[in-house]
């Protein structure tokens, strides 16, 4: 593998590690939503859409 590719992969890996740590920290602080059914997931995802969205379910 070339050095440029190694640097790029290292950067991606570092970003991923930071993102994972942010997620773990949020979970440990209780900052999450429990979605316990397919309907709950659907409602949550729907709530994230902009009000004037042209997407259909």
Protein backbone atom coordinates (compact mmCIF):
# COMPACT_ATOMS: atom_id res chain seq x y z
CA UNK A 1 0.00 0.00 0.00
CA UNK A 2 1.26 3.47 -0.79
CA UNK A 3 2.04 6.08 1.84
CA UNK A 4 -0.75 8.39 0.66
CA UNK A 5 -3.25 5.58 0.98
CA UNK A 6 -1.93 4.73 4.46
CA UNK A 7 -2.33 8.35 5.56
CA UNK A 8 -5.87 8.44 4.18
CA UNK A 9 -6.79 5.17 5.89
CA UNK A 10 -5.24 6.37 9.17
CA UNK A 11 -7.29 9.57 8.97
CA UNK A 12 -10.48 7.60 8.34
CA UNK A 13 -9.70 5.23 11.19
CA UNK A 14 -9.03 8.11 13.59
CA UNK A 15 -12.31 9.76 12.59
CA UNK A 16 -14.17 6.49 13.10
CA UNK A 17 -12.60 5.97 16.54
CA UNK A 18 -13.65 9.49 17.60
CA UNK A 19 -17.20 8.92 16.32
CA UNK A 20 -17.45 5.63 18.19
CA UNK A 21 -16.19 7.25 21.39
CA UNK A 22 -18.75 10.06 21.03
CA UNK A 23 -21.48 7.43 20.72
CA UNK A 24 -20.25 5.49 23.74
CA UNK A 25 -20.06 8.70 25.80
CA UNK A 26 -23.62 9.64 24.80
CA UNK A 27 -24.93 6.18 25.73
CA UNK A 28 -23.16 6.28 29.09
CA UNK A 29 -24.78 9.68 29.79
CA UNK A 30 -28.21 8.29 28.92
CA UNK A 31 -28.51 10.42 25.80
CA UNK A 32 -30.40 8.02 23.55
CA UNK A 33 -33.89 7.03 22.43
CA UNK A 34 -35.29 3.52 22.79
CA UNK A 35 -37.09 2.36 19.66
CA UNK A 36 -38.73 -0.90 20.64
CA UNK A 37 -40.85 -1.70 17.59
CA UNK A 38 -40.87 -1.23 13.83
CA UNK A 39 -43.66 1.33 14.26
CA UNK A 40 -41.58 3.32 16.76
CA UNK A 41 -38.67 3.33 14.30
CA UNK A 42 -40.96 4.48 11.49
CA UNK A 43 -42.39 7.29 13.62
CA UNK A 44 -38.93 8.42 14.72
CA UNK A 45 -37.54 8.46 11.19
CA UNK A 46 -40.65 10.28 9.96
CA UNK A 47 -40.18 12.91 12.66
CA UNK A 48 -36.70 13.68 11.29
CA UNK A 49 -38.01 14.67 7.88
CA UNK A 50 -38.47 18.33 7.03
CA UNK A 51 -42.09 19.48 7.25
CA UNK A 52 -42.32 20.35 3.54
CA UNK A 53 -40.60 17.23 2.29
CA UNK A 54 -41.67 15.78 -1.02
CA UNK A 55 -40.73 12.24 0.07
CA UNK A 56 -43.52 9.72 0.42
CA UNK A 57 -43.80 6.74 2.78
